[in-house]
């Protein structure tokens, strides 16, 4: 008996209220495994295969080869050859929908199976599936499924995640963001205290951080890098005020309190010594104090650690002054250099008093 040839799909309006464009049916995957089912029921098993799957204008045709070694396959084969079953229906997924001339149309899809059916809703019925062989009842449901995929893609893009991320990974990432949000205000305040942001823009930056913490941190990182460059530029410009051994402490001030505070500190420090200020000083420096060396011969202090240590001890022995910021600057700047946190605290106290 000759093979039974079926028109398995054409472009007539189907039971979903739409059409399937034959030109958009991808048959390559199906041709590698052209299974035949009965009534789209995968659980009943395969009852045959399809051969000579072809597109002919707006029609998709195929020839049925039944597996009559199975009870259901033999039964369906007999009913087809006897003329009791004469209809076939395609099962498709990965559907892309558009509206053409007021009619919903599936313009792209993947063919995954072709079934023998008893009473199709129209001459060439169609069965729609989601991923994993989950059936879809209406084109509206298919449209909703496509919208869900689009929304998922947008969420992944906003969160900056990989396209291969699972739904559970997305949920966990969102949970992490929610936990982080409770610390966002503290993070913004810290950036303000470090001179990276303006206090007047606090609310705006909190909103930015809550909306996209990744973008906020990237912005702060950029500000931090620019701040470092500006700090080094200021120190280089004020080499005549700050000796090399003190650069570390001034960098710490700039990074903790901001460039503008550092600029104010440097501007308040005495400028370079003019030659006229040194004229008349005795070559005999035995009576020189630590302050005089710092003002007139700082290089000698750097080159002679023993002299520096002796002068510091003498200064400490003579001085009973309350150790405020001015005292440390005049008498123990090296101590400040070794204790940056103390230096920062003293500057903050001075700022509050002003």
Protein backbone atom coordinates (compact mmCIF):
# COMPACT_ATOMS: atom_id res chain seq x y z
CA UNK A 1 0.00 0.00 0.00
CA UNK A 2 1.40 3.48 -0.85
CA UNK A 3 2.49 5.79 1.95
CA UNK A 4 -0.16 8.06 3.44
CA UNK A 5 0.59 11.70 2.58
CA UNK A 6 -0.80 14.45 4.80
CA UNK A 7 -1.05 18.21 4.54
CA UNK A 8 0.00 18.85 8.11
CA UNK A 9 -0.32 22.65 8.02
CA UNK A 10 -1.41 25.47 5.76
CA UNK A 11 -2.18 29.12 6.32
CA UNK A 12 -5.91 28.84 7.04
CA UNK A 13 -7.21 30.30 10.31
CA UNK A 14 -6.89 27.65 13.03
CA UNK A 15 -8.62 26.95 16.33
CA UNK A 16 -6.42 29.55 18.04
CA UNK A 17 -7.94 32.29 15.92
CA UNK A 18 -4.74 32.84 14.00
CA UNK A 19 -2.56 31.47 11.24
CA UNK A 20 0.86 29.84 11.02
CA UNK A 21 3.02 31.12 8.17
CA UNK A 22 4.46 28.07 6.44
CA UNK A 23 7.56 30.00 5.42
CA UNK A 24 8.32 30.65 9.10
CA UNK A 25 8.17 26.99 10.21
CA UNK A 26 11.68 25.76 11.02
CA UNK A 27 11.80 22.05 10.10
CA UNK A 28 15.57 21.47 10.40
CA UNK A 29 15.41 20.27 14.00
CA UNK A 30 12.39 18.06 13.32
CA UNK A 31 14.02 16.40 10.32
CA UNK A 32 16.71 15.01 12.61
CA UNK A 33 14.04 13.27 14.71
CA UNK A 34 10.72 13.22 12.78
CA UNK A 35 8.52 11.56 15.41
CA UNK A 36 4.84 10.76 14.98
CA UNK A 37 2.51 10.92 17.99
CA UNK A 38 -1.17 10.26 18.44
CA UNK A 39 -3.25 13.28 19.56
CA UNK A 40 -0.07 15.13 20.64
CA UNK A 41 0.19 12.75 23.60
CA UNK A 42 3.85 12.07 24.28
CA UNK A 43 3.06 9.70 27.15
CA UNK A 44 1.43 7.23 24.77
CA UNK A 45 4.74 6.90 22.98
CA UNK A 46 5.90 7.22 19.39
CA UNK A 47 3.68 5.49 16.84
CA UNK A 48 5.79 6.15 13.75
CA UNK A 49 7.87 8.66 11.84
CA UNK A 50 7.49 11.14 8.98
CA UNK A 51 9.33 11.25 5.68
CA UNK A 52 9.56 13.65 2.74
CA UNK A 53 8.68 16.68 4.84
CA UNK A 54 8.28 19.48 2.32
CA UNK A 55 7.02 23.04 1.95
CA UNK A 56 4.78 23.50 -1.09
CA UNK A 57 3.63 27.10 -1.32
CA UNK A 58 1.55 27.78 1.79
CA UNK A 59 1.33 24.05 2.64
CA UNK A 60 3.57 21.81 4.72
CA UNK A 61 3.26 18.13 3.70
CA UNK A 62 4.72 14.88 5.04
CA UNK A 63 4.39 11.11 4.47
CA UNK A 64 3.50 8.82 7.39
CA UNK A 65 5.47 5.66 8.23
CA UNK A 66 3.74 3.76 11.04
CA UNK A 67 5.38 1.56 13.67
CA UNK A 68 2.92 -1.32 13.53
CA UNK A 69 5.08 -3.30 15.96
CA UNK A 70 3.33 -1.33 18.70
CA UNK A 71 -0.32 -1.89 19.47
CA UNK A 72 -1.27 1.78 19.16
CA UNK A 73 0.85 2.23 16.03
CA UNK A 74 -0.81 -0.72 14.33
CA UNK A 75 -4.28 0.47 15.36
CA UNK A 76 -3.75 4.02 14.06
CA UNK A 77 -2.21 2.70 10.84
CA UNK A 78 -5.28 0.52 10.23
CA UNK A 79 -7.64 3.44 10.89
CA UNK A 80 -5.68 5.72 8.54
CA UNK A 81 -5.55 3.14 5.76
CA UNK A 82 -9.25 2.41 6.27
CA UNK A 83 -10.10 6.11 5.99
CA UNK A 84 -11.34 6.55 9.56
CA UNK A 85 -8.46 8.91 10.52
CA UNK A 86 -7.54 11.47 7.89
CA UNK A 87 -6.09 14.42 9.78
CA UNK A 88 -2.66 15.42 11.06
CA UNK A 89 -1.61 18.31 13.31
CA UNK A 90 1.75 19.96 13.94
CA UNK A 91 3.25 20.62 17.38
CA UNK A 92 5.35 23.77 17.50
CA UNK A 93 7.27 25.90 20.03
CA UNK A 94 9.51 28.99 20.20
CA UNK A 95 6.74 30.94 18.47
CA UNK A 96 7.09 34.57 17.43
CA UNK A 97 3.78 36.39 16.92
CA UNK A 98 2.79 39.42 14.86
CA UNK A 99 -0.52 40.93 13.77
CA UNK A 100 -0.97 40.87 9.99
CA UNK A 101 -4.03 42.56 8.47
CA UNK A 102 -5.81 42.33 11.82
CA UNK A 103 -5.10 38.59 12.19
CA UNK A 104 -2.73 37.13 14.77
CA UNK A 105 0.00 35.25 12.96
CA UNK A 106 2.84 33.01 14.06
CA UNK A 107 5.62 34.21 11.79
CA UNK A 108 8.40 32.03 13.21
CA UNK A 109 8.33 28.70 15.08
CA UNK A 110 10.11 25.37 15.51
CA UNK A 111 8.38 22.15 14.45
CA UNK A 112 8.84 19.51 17.20
CA UNK A 113 6.29 16.79 16.30
CA UNK A 114 3.44 15.87 13.98
CA UNK A 115 0.47 13.92 15.30
CA UNK A 116 -2.33 11.90 13.78
CA UNK A 117 -5.58 13.34 15.20
CA UNK A 118 -9.23 12.34 15.10
CA UNK A 119 -11.28 15.56 14.85
CA UNK A 120 -9.20 18.70 14.30
CA UNK A 121 -10.80 22.07 14.97
CA UNK A 122 -10.18 22.99 11.36
CA UNK A 123 -8.83 21.29 8.27
CA UNK A 124 -5.23 21.61 9.40
CA UNK A 125 -5.08 21.83 13.20
CA UNK A 126 -2.10 23.10 15.16
CA UNK A 127 -0.81 22.26 18.65
CA UNK A 128 1.25 24.90 20.44
CA UNK A 129 3.82 24.08 23.11
CA UNK A 130 5.98 26.01 25.54
CA UNK A 131 9.49 24.81 26.35
CA UNK A 132 9.43 21.33 27.87
CA UNK A 133 6.32 20.16 25.96
CA UNK A 134 3.91 22.19 28.07
CA UNK A 135 0.82 22.80 25.94
CA UNK A 136 -0.61 26.28 25.29
CA UNK A 137 -4.38 26.67 24.92
CA UNK A 138 -4.63 30.03 23.16
CA UNK A 139 -2.59 32.52 21.15
CA UNK A 140 -3.22 34.99 23.98
CA UNK A 141 -1.38 32.63 26.29
CA UNK A 142 1.44 32.41 23.77
CA UNK A 143 1.60 36.22 23.65
CA UNK A 144 1.75 36.34 27.44
CA UNK A 145 4.55 33.76 27.41
CA UNK A 146 6.52 35.90 24.96
CA UNK A 147 5.97 38.96 27.17
CA UNK A 148 7.27 37.01 30.17
CA UNK A 149 10.42 36.11 28.25
CA UNK A 150 10.88 39.76 27.27
CA UNK A 151 10.40 40.92 30.88
CA UNK A 152 12.90 38.32 32.09
CA UNK A 153 15.42 39.56 29.54
CA UNK A 154 14.92 43.15 30.72
CA UNK A 155 15.36 42.14 34.38
CA UNK A 156 18.58 40.29 33.56
CA UNK A 157 19.86 43.32 31.67
CA UNK A 158 19.06 45.76 34.50
CA UNK A 159 20.70 43.51 37.10
CA UNK A 160 23.75 43.04 34.88
CA UNK A 161 23.50 39.24 34.97
CA UNK A 162 24.47 36.62 32.39
CA UNK A 163 21.88 35.49 29.83
CA UNK A 164 22.36 31.91 31.08
CA UNK A 165 21.36 32.78 34.65
CA UNK A 166 18.58 30.67 36.20
CA UNK A 167 15.38 32.02 37.78
CA UNK A 168 16.69 31.00 41.22
CA UNK A 169 19.89 32.96 40.62
CA UNK A 170 17.81 36.03 39.72
CA UNK A 171 15.76 35.69 42.93
CA UNK A 172 18.90 35.31 45.08
CA UNK A 173 20.49 38.35 43.43
CA UNK A 174 17.38 40.43 44.15
CA UNK A 175 17.43 39.25 47.80
CA UNK A 176 21.06 40.35 48.08
CA UNK A 177 20.16 43.77 46.70
CA UNK A 178 17.30 44.12 49.20
CA UNK A 179 19.65 43.25 52.05
CA UNK A 180 22.16 45.78 50.76
CA UNK A 181 19.57 48.54 50.56
CA UNK A 182 19.49 48.85 54.35
CA UNK A 183 23.16 49.89 54.25
CA UNK A 184 22.86 52.24 51.29
CA UNK A 185 22.44 55.42 53.35
CA UNK A 186 25.54 54.55 55.38
CA UNK A 187 27.47 53.98 52.16
CA UNK A 188 26.38 57.35 50.78
CA UNK A 189 27.24 59.10 54.06
CA UNK A 190 30.69 57.52 54.05
CA UNK A 191 31.29 58.78 50.51
CA UNK A 192 30.21 62.28 51.63
CA UNK A 193 32.53 62.17 54.67
CA UNK A 194 35.40 61.14 52.39
CA UNK A 195 34.81 64.18 50.22
CA UNK A 196 33.65 62.16 47.21
CA UNK A 197 30.11 63.54 47.20
CA UNK A 198 28.44 66.78 48.18
CA UNK A 199 26.22 66.67 51.27
CA UNK A 200 23.64 68.82 49.46
CA UNK A 201 23.15 66.01 46.93
CA UNK A 202 22.70 63.27 49.55
CA UNK A 203 19.07 62.44 48.70
CA UNK A 204 19.80 62.24 44.98
CA UNK A 205 22.70 59.84 45.54
CA UNK A 206 20.63 57.66 47.87
CA UNK A 207 18.00 57.35 45.13
CA UNK A 208 20.72 56.56 42.60
CA UNK A 209 22.22 53.87 44.83
CA UNK A 210 18.84 52.27 45.51
CA UNK A 211 18.05 52.23 41.81
CA UNK A 212 21.40 50.86 40.66
CA UNK A 213 23.99 50.16 43.35
CA UNK A 214 26.46 49.01 40.72
CA UNK A 215 26.31 52.36 38.91
CA UNK A 216 26.61 54.27 42.21
CA UNK A 217 29.72 52.36 43.26
CA UNK A 218 31.21 52.83 39.82
CA UNK A 219 30.63 56.58 40.11
CA UNK A 220 32.27 56.70 43.55
CA UNK A 221 35.21 54.66 42.28
CA UNK A 222 35.76 57.16 39.49
CA UNK A 223 35.56 60.06 41.96
CA UNK A 224 38.06 58.29 44.22
CA UNK A 225 40.54 57.89 41.38
CA UNK A 226 40.20 61.56 40.41
CA UNK A 227 40.56 62.53 44.08
CA UNK A 228 43.85 60.63 44.34
CA UNK A 229 45.22 62.45 41.28
CA UNK A 230 44.17 65.83 42.73
CA UNK A 231 45.73 65.03 46.13
CA UNK A 232 49.07 64.19 44.53
CA UNK A 233 48.85 67.35 42.42
CA UNK A 234 48.28 69.47 45.54
CA UNK A 235 51.16 67.87 47.40
CA UNK A 236 53.47 68.32 44.44
CA UNK A 237 52.45 71.98 44.23
CA UNK A 238 53.21 72.44 47.95
CA UNK A 239 56.58 70.69 48.10
CA UNK A 240 58.04 73.77 49.77
CA UNK A 241 55.57 73.39 52.66
CA UNK A 242 55.46 69.63 53.21
CA UNK A 243 58.62 67.59 53.68
CA UNK A 244 58.64 64.13 52.01
CA UNK A 245 58.29 62.23 55.28
CA UNK A 246 54.91 63.93 55.82
CA UNK A 247 53.38 63.12 52.43
CA UNK A 248 51.74 59.95 53.73
CA UNK A 249 49.80 61.74 56.44
CA UNK A 250 48.61 64.46 54.06
CA UNK A 251 47.44 61.83 51.59
CA UNK A 252 45.49 60.24 54.43
CA UNK A 253 43.87 63.58 55.27
CA UNK A 254 42.86 64.08 51.64
CA UNK A 255 41.39 60.60 51.27
CA UNK A 256 39.49 60.78 54.58
CA UNK A 257 38.26 64.39 54.52
CA UNK A 258 38.39 65.30 50.85
CA UNK A 259 40.48 67.44 48.55
CA UNK A 260 39.00 70.76 49.71
CA UNK A 261 39.88 70.16 53.36
CA UNK A 262 43.41 69.20 52.34
CA UNK A 263 43.65 72.33 50.21
CA UNK A 264 42.62 74.45 53.22
CA UNK A 265 45.21 72.77 55.45
CA UNK A 266 47.99 73.35 52.93
CA UNK A 267 47.00 76.98 52.37
CA UNK A 268 47.08 77.65 56.12
CA UNK A 269 50.67 76.41 56.42
CA UNK A 270 53.57 78.92 56.19
CA UNK A 271 55.16 79.41 52.80
CA UNK A 272 58.80 79.02 51.74
CA UNK A 273 61.53 80.79 53.68
CA UNK A 274 62.95 83.87 51.97
CA UNK A 275 66.74 84.43 52.04
CA UNK A 276 66.17 87.68 53.96
CA UNK A 277 64.72 85.68 56.85
CA UNK A 278 67.94 83.71 57.22
CA UNK A 279 70.33 86.68 56.99
CA UNK A 280 71.80 87.45 60.39
CA UNK A 281 71.33 83.96 61.79
CA UNK A 282 74.49 82.66 63.47
CA UNK A 283 76.39 79.84 61.86
CA UNK A 284 76.55 78.37 65.34
CA UNK A 285 73.31 76.38 65.60
CA UNK A 286 73.85 75.07 69.08
CA UNK A 287 71.05 77.33 70.35
CA UNK A 288 68.63 76.40 67.55
CA UNK A 289 65.33 74.86 68.55
CA UNK A 290 63.37 72.19 66.70
CA UNK A 291 61.06 74.85 65.29
CA UNK A 292 64.03 76.84 63.93
CA UNK A 293 65.44 73.78 62.20
CA UNK A 294 62.03 73.04 60.71
CA UNK A 295 61.74 76.57 59.42
CA UNK A 296 65.29 77.27 58.24
CA UNK A 297 67.02 73.90 57.77
CA UNK A 298 64.49 71.05 57.38
CA UNK A 299 66.90 69.09 55.17
CA UNK A 300 69.36 68.82 58.06
CA UNK A 301 66.64 67.16 60.14
CA UNK A 302 66.02 64.62 57.37
CA UNK A 303 69.75 63.93 56.98
CA UNK A 304 70.53 63.73 60.71
CA UNK A 305 68.09 61.45 62.61
CA UNK A 306 70.17 61.71 65.80
CA UNK A 307 69.87 65.51 65.82
CA UNK A 308 66.18 65.26 65.11
CA UNK A 309 65.63 62.81 67.99
CA UNK A 310 67.57 65.03 70.44
CA UNK A 311 65.63 68.17 69.48
CA UNK A 312 62.27 66.39 69.79
CA UNK A 313 63.16 65.16 73.29
CA UNK A 314 64.25 68.67 74.29
CA UNK A 315 61.03 70.16 72.95
CA UNK A 316 58.90 67.64 74.81
CA UNK A 317 60.76 68.34 78.02
CA UNK A 318 60.22 72.10 77.78
CA UNK A 319 56.60 72.10 76.58
CA UNK A 320 53.63 71.74 78.89
CA UNK A 321 51.12 72.99 76.35
CA UNK A 322 47.78 71.25 75.79
CA UNK A 323 48.33 68.98 72.81
CA UNK A 324 45.92 70.39 70.27
CA UNK A 325 46.36 70.42 66.49
CA UNK A 326 48.48 73.56 66.56
CA UNK A 327 50.78 72.06 69.19
CA UNK A 328 51.37 68.91 67.17
CA UNK A 329 52.00 70.86 63.98
CA UNK A 330 54.58 73.06 65.67
CA UNK A 331 56.25 70.50 67.90
CA UNK A 332 55.48 66.94 66.83
CA UNK A 333 54.46 66.74 63.15
CA UNK A 334 56.33 63.45 62.88
CA UNK A 335 54.07 61.98 65.54
CA UNK A 336 51.07 63.00 63.45
CA UNK A 337 52.70 61.34 60.46
CA UNK A 338 52.97 58.11 62.42
CA UNK A 339 49.38 58.40 63.75
CA UNK A 340 47.13 59.44 60.83
CA UNK A 341 43.91 58.63 62.69
CA UNK A 342 44.83 61.09 65.45
CA UNK A 343 45.70 63.74 62.85
CA UNK A 344 42.35 63.23 61.12
CA UNK A 345 40.48 63.46 64.42
CA UNK A 346 42.25 66.70 65.36
CA UNK A 347 41.39 68.25 62.00
CA UNK A 348 37.74 67.20 62.37
CA UNK A 349 37.68 68.82 65.82
CA UNK A 350 39.09 72.05 64.35
CA UNK A 351 36.44 72.00 61.62
CA UNK A 352 33.66 71.62 64.20
CA UNK A 353 34.98 74.54 66.28
CA UNK A 354 34.95 76.76 63.20
